[in-house]
Amino acid sequence: MCLGIPGRITAITDPARMMAMAEVSGVRREVNIACVAEGPLEGLIGRWVLIHVGFAMSRIDEDEAARTLAALHELGETQEALEQMAEADREMAR
């Protein structure tokens, strides 16, 4: 099963590589924004996207993000995915 998790873009980290920082339930991670980029990249800051394996796959609105996060929390899948993201971040920091 593929799982897209809602995250909010907080900063553009590398415009040339189309990379941005996204926050997912308090966990920050760099993601590729090529699939959702339209116009100036700075326009994505504060926007919600669905993230899958390090890629922002589609834009979503804040209401949809909240509903999706609530559903994922209920299913318990978010915690597992966030733990995997945090572990990957720790491994990259080594």
N, C-alpha and C. Protein backbone atom coordinates (compact mmCIF):
# COMPACT_ATOMS: atom_id res chain seq x y z
N MET A 1 0.84 -1.18 0.00
CA MET A 1 0.00 0.00 0.00
C MET A 1 0.88 1.23 0.00
N CYS A 2 0.58 2.16 -0.87
CA CYS A 2 1.31 3.43 -0.92
C CYS A 2 0.62 4.41 0.02
N LEU A 3 1.42 5.13 0.77
CA LEU A 3 0.86 6.04 1.75
C LEU A 3 1.39 7.44 1.50
N GLY A 4 0.52 8.37 1.19
CA GLY A 4 0.87 9.77 1.06
C GLY A 4 0.48 10.47 2.35
N ILE A 5 1.44 11.16 2.95
CA ILE A 5 1.20 11.83 4.22
C ILE A 5 1.19 13.34 4.00
N PRO A 6 0.18 14.04 4.53
CA PRO A 6 0.15 15.49 4.38
C PRO A 6 1.29 16.16 5.13
N GLY A 7 1.92 17.11 4.47
CA GLY A 7 2.97 17.91 5.09
C GLY A 7 2.87 19.34 4.59
N ARG A 8 3.35 20.27 5.41
CA ARG A 8 3.32 21.68 5.04
C ARG A 8 4.73 22.10 4.65
N ILE A 9 4.87 22.74 3.50
CA ILE A 9 6.16 23.25 3.04
C ILE A 9 6.52 24.45 3.92
N THR A 10 7.72 24.39 4.52
CA THR A 10 8.14 25.48 5.42
C THR A 10 9.24 26.35 4.83
N ALA A 11 10.00 25.83 3.87
CA ALA A 11 11.08 26.61 3.27
C ALA A 11 11.53 25.94 1.97
N ILE A 12 12.06 26.74 1.08
CA ILE A 12 12.71 26.22 -0.12
C ILE A 12 14.19 26.08 0.24
N THR A 13 14.73 24.88 0.16
CA THR A 13 16.10 24.64 0.61
C THR A 13 17.12 24.64 -0.53
N ASP A 14 16.72 24.22 -1.73
CA ASP A 14 17.62 24.17 -2.86
C ASP A 14 16.81 24.32 -4.14
N PRO A 15 16.61 25.56 -4.59
CA PRO A 15 15.78 25.79 -5.78
C PRO A 15 16.27 25.06 -7.02
N ALA A 16 17.57 24.97 -7.20
CA ALA A 16 18.11 24.32 -8.39
C ALA A 16 17.75 22.84 -8.44
N ARG A 17 17.70 22.20 -7.31
CA ARG A 17 17.35 20.77 -7.22
C ARG A 17 15.86 20.56 -6.92
N MET A 18 15.09 21.67 -6.80
CA MET A 18 13.65 21.61 -6.51
C MET A 18 13.40 20.92 -5.16
N MET A 19 14.16 21.31 -4.15
CA MET A 19 14.04 20.72 -2.82
C MET A 19 13.48 21.75 -1.84
N ALA A 20 12.67 21.25 -0.91
CA ALA A 20 12.06 22.11 0.10
C ALA A 20 11.99 21.35 1.42
N MET A 21 11.87 22.11 2.51
CA MET A 21 11.67 21.51 3.83
C MET A 21 10.17 21.42 4.06
N ALA A 22 9.73 20.25 4.50
CA ALA A 22 8.32 20.03 4.82
C ALA A 22 8.22 19.56 6.26
N GLU A 23 7.14 19.94 6.92
CA GLU A 23 6.89 19.50 8.28
C GLU A 23 5.66 18.61 8.30
N VAL A 24 5.83 17.42 8.88
CA VAL A 24 4.75 16.45 9.00
C VAL A 24 4.59 16.14 10.48
N SER A 25 3.55 16.66 11.08
CA SER A 25 3.27 16.40 12.50
C SER A 25 4.50 16.64 13.37
N GLY A 26 5.20 17.73 13.14
CA GLY A 26 6.36 18.09 13.96
C GLY A 26 7.68 17.54 13.47
N VAL A 27 7.67 16.61 12.52
CA VAL A 27 8.91 16.07 11.96
C VAL A 27 9.22 16.83 10.68
N ARG A 28 10.45 17.36 10.58
CA ARG A 28 10.85 18.12 9.39
C ARG A 28 11.71 17.23 8.50
N ARG A 29 11.45 17.35 7.20
CA ARG A 29 12.17 16.53 6.24
C ARG A 29 12.26 17.25 4.90
N GLU A 30 13.39 17.09 4.24
CA GLU A 30 13.55 17.67 2.92
C GLU A 30 12.85 16.79 1.89
N VAL A 31 12.10 17.42 1.00
CA VAL A 31 11.36 16.70 -0.03
C VAL A 31 11.57 17.36 -1.38
N ASN A 32 11.40 16.59 -2.42
CA ASN A 32 11.46 17.10 -3.78
C ASN A 32 10.09 17.66 -4.15
N ILE A 33 10.07 18.88 -4.70
CA ILE A 33 8.80 19.55 -5.00
C ILE A 33 8.53 19.69 -6.50
N ALA A 34 9.31 18.98 -7.34
CA ALA A 34 9.17 19.12 -8.78
C ALA A 34 7.75 18.82 -9.26
N CYS A 35 7.08 17.86 -8.65
CA CYS A 35 5.73 17.47 -9.09
C CYS A 35 4.66 18.51 -8.76
N VAL A 36 4.94 19.40 -7.82
CA VAL A 36 3.92 20.37 -7.40
C VAL A 36 4.30 21.81 -7.71
N ALA A 37 5.46 22.00 -8.32
CA ALA A 37 5.95 23.36 -8.59
C ALA A 37 5.22 23.97 -9.78
N GLU A 38 4.62 25.12 -9.53
CA GLU A 38 3.99 25.93 -10.58
C GLU A 38 4.27 27.37 -10.22
N GLY A 39 4.97 28.08 -11.06
CA GLY A 39 5.30 29.46 -10.75
C GLY A 39 6.47 29.53 -9.79
N PRO A 40 6.63 30.69 -9.13
CA PRO A 40 7.75 30.85 -8.19
C PRO A 40 7.67 29.82 -7.05
N LEU A 41 8.79 29.19 -6.76
CA LEU A 41 8.82 28.16 -5.71
C LEU A 41 8.41 28.72 -4.36
N GLU A 42 8.72 29.98 -4.08
CA GLU A 42 8.37 30.58 -2.79
C GLU A 42 6.86 30.55 -2.55
N GLY A 43 6.09 30.45 -3.63
CA GLY A 43 4.64 30.36 -3.50
C GLY A 43 4.17 29.08 -2.83
N LEU A 44 5.06 28.09 -2.72
CA LEU A 44 4.71 26.84 -2.05
C LEU A 44 4.84 26.91 -0.54
N ILE A 45 5.58 27.89 -0.04
CA ILE A 45 5.79 27.99 1.41
C ILE A 45 4.44 28.21 2.10
N GLY A 46 4.16 27.35 3.09
CA GLY A 46 2.90 27.40 3.80
C GLY A 46 1.81 26.53 3.19
N ARG A 47 2.06 25.99 2.01
CA ARG A 47 1.07 25.15 1.33
C ARG A 47 1.19 23.71 1.80
N TRP A 48 0.08 22.99 1.75
CA TRP A 48 0.03 21.57 2.12
C TRP A 48 0.20 20.72 0.87
N VAL A 49 0.94 19.61 1.03
CA VAL A 49 1.16 18.67 -0.06
C VAL A 49 1.06 17.25 0.49
N LEU A 50 0.80 16.30 -0.38
CA LEU A 50 0.87 14.89 0.00
C LEU A 50 2.28 14.40 -0.34
N ILE A 51 2.96 13.82 0.65
CA ILE A 51 4.35 13.40 0.51
C ILE A 51 4.41 11.87 0.50
N HIS A 52 5.17 11.35 -0.46
CA HIS A 52 5.39 9.91 -0.55
C HIS A 52 6.85 9.68 -0.92
N VAL A 53 7.56 8.91 -0.14
CA VAL A 53 8.97 8.56 -0.31
C VAL A 53 9.84 9.75 -0.72
N GLY A 54 9.67 10.87 -0.04
CA GLY A 54 10.52 12.03 -0.28
C GLY A 54 10.10 12.95 -1.39
N PHE A 55 8.94 12.71 -1.97
CA PHE A 55 8.43 13.55 -3.04
C PHE A 55 7.07 14.13 -2.67
N ALA A 56 6.91 15.43 -2.89
CA ALA A 56 5.60 16.06 -2.77
C ALA A 56 4.86 15.72 -4.05
N MET A 57 3.83 14.88 -3.94
CA MET A 57 3.16 14.33 -5.12
C MET A 57 1.99 15.19 -5.61
N SER A 58 1.31 15.88 -4.68
CA SER A 58 0.18 16.72 -5.09
C SER A 58 -0.09 17.75 -4.01
N ARG A 59 -0.69 18.86 -4.44
CA ARG A 59 -1.11 19.90 -3.48
C ARG A 59 -2.47 19.52 -2.92
N ILE A 60 -2.68 19.85 -1.65
CA ILE A 60 -3.99 19.66 -1.03
C ILE A 60 -4.29 20.89 -0.20
N ASP A 61 -5.56 21.09 0.13
CA ASP A 61 -5.88 22.24 0.97
C ASP A 61 -5.77 21.84 2.45
N GLU A 62 -5.83 22.83 3.31
CA GLU A 62 -5.64 22.60 4.74
C GLU A 62 -6.70 21.69 5.33
N ASP A 63 -7.95 21.82 4.88
CA ASP A 63 -9.02 20.96 5.38
C ASP A 63 -8.78 19.49 5.02
N GLU A 64 -8.37 19.26 3.77
CA GLU A 64 -8.09 17.89 3.36
C GLU A 64 -6.91 17.33 4.14
N ALA A 65 -5.89 18.17 4.37
CA ALA A 65 -4.73 17.73 5.15
C ALA A 65 -5.15 17.32 6.55
N ALA A 66 -6.00 18.13 7.19
CA ALA A 66 -6.45 17.83 8.55
C ALA A 66 -7.27 16.54 8.58
N ARG A 67 -8.16 16.36 7.62
CA ARG A 67 -8.98 15.14 7.57
C ARG A 67 -8.10 13.91 7.34
N THR A 68 -7.14 14.03 6.45
CA THR A 68 -6.26 12.90 6.15
C THR A 68 -5.40 12.55 7.35
N LEU A 69 -4.82 13.56 8.02
CA LEU A 69 -4.01 13.29 9.21
C LEU A 69 -4.85 12.64 10.31
N ALA A 70 -6.08 13.11 10.48
CA ALA A 70 -6.95 12.52 11.50
C ALA A 70 -7.23 11.05 11.18
N ALA A 71 -7.51 10.76 9.93
CA ALA A 71 -7.79 9.38 9.53
C ALA A 71 -6.56 8.51 9.71
N LEU A 72 -5.40 9.02 9.35
CA LEU A 72 -4.17 8.25 9.51
C LEU A 72 -3.84 8.01 10.97
N HIS A 73 -4.07 9.02 11.79
CA HIS A 73 -3.84 8.84 13.23
C HIS A 73 -4.74 7.73 13.77
N GLU A 74 -5.98 7.74 13.33
CA GLU A 74 -6.91 6.70 13.79
C GLU A 74 -6.44 5.32 13.36
N LEU A 75 -5.87 5.22 12.20
CA LEU A 75 -5.40 3.93 11.71
C LEU A 75 -4.04 3.53 12.28
N GLY A 76 -3.38 4.48 12.90
CA GLY A 76 -2.08 4.19 13.49
C GLY A 76 -0.94 4.16 12.49
N GLU A 77 -1.23 4.45 11.23
CA GLU A 77 -0.20 4.40 10.21
C GLU A 77 0.73 5.61 10.28
N THR A 78 0.24 6.73 10.71
CA THR A 78 1.08 7.92 10.76
C THR A 78 2.26 7.71 11.68
N GLN A 79 2.03 7.16 12.85
CA GLN A 79 3.12 6.97 13.81
C GLN A 79 4.23 6.13 13.22
N GLU A 80 3.87 5.05 12.58
CA GLU A 80 4.87 4.18 11.97
C GLU A 80 5.65 4.92 10.89
N ALA A 81 4.94 5.65 10.03
CA ALA A 81 5.60 6.40 8.96
C ALA A 81 6.50 7.49 9.51
N LEU A 82 6.03 8.20 10.56
CA LEU A 82 6.84 9.26 11.16
C LEU A 82 8.09 8.69 11.82
N GLU A 83 7.96 7.53 12.43
CA GLU A 83 9.13 6.89 13.04
C GLU A 83 10.14 6.50 11.96
N GLN A 84 9.65 6.02 10.83
CA GLN A 84 10.55 5.68 9.73
C GLN A 84 11.25 6.92 9.19
N MET A 85 10.50 8.03 9.07
CA MET A 85 11.10 9.28 8.60
C MET A 85 12.15 9.78 9.58
N ALA A 86 11.83 9.74 10.86
CA ALA A 86 12.77 10.20 11.88
C ALA A 86 14.02 9.34 11.89
N GLU A 87 13.85 8.04 11.74
CA GLU A 87 15.00 7.13 11.69
C GLU A 87 15.86 7.43 10.48
N ALA A 88 15.23 7.67 9.33
CA ALA A 88 15.97 8.01 8.12
C ALA A 88 16.74 9.31 8.31
N ASP A 89 16.11 10.29 8.97
CA ASP A 89 16.78 11.57 9.26
C ASP A 89 17.98 11.35 10.16
N ARG A 90 17.84 10.50 11.18
CA ARG A 90 18.96 10.20 12.09
C ARG A 90 20.09 9.53 11.33
N GLU A 91 19.75 8.61 10.43
CA GLU A 91 20.78 7.92 9.65
C GLU A 91 21.52 8.89 8.73
N MET A 92 20.79 9.83 8.15
CA MET A 92 21.42 10.81 7.26
C MET A 92 22.32 11.76 8.03
N ALA A 93 22.01 12.02 9.28
CA ALA A 93 22.79 12.95 10.10
C ALA A 93 24.12 12.36 10.56
N ARG A 94 24.25 11.06 10.46
CA ARG A 94 25.49 10.40 10.92
C ARG A 94 26.63 10.67 10.01
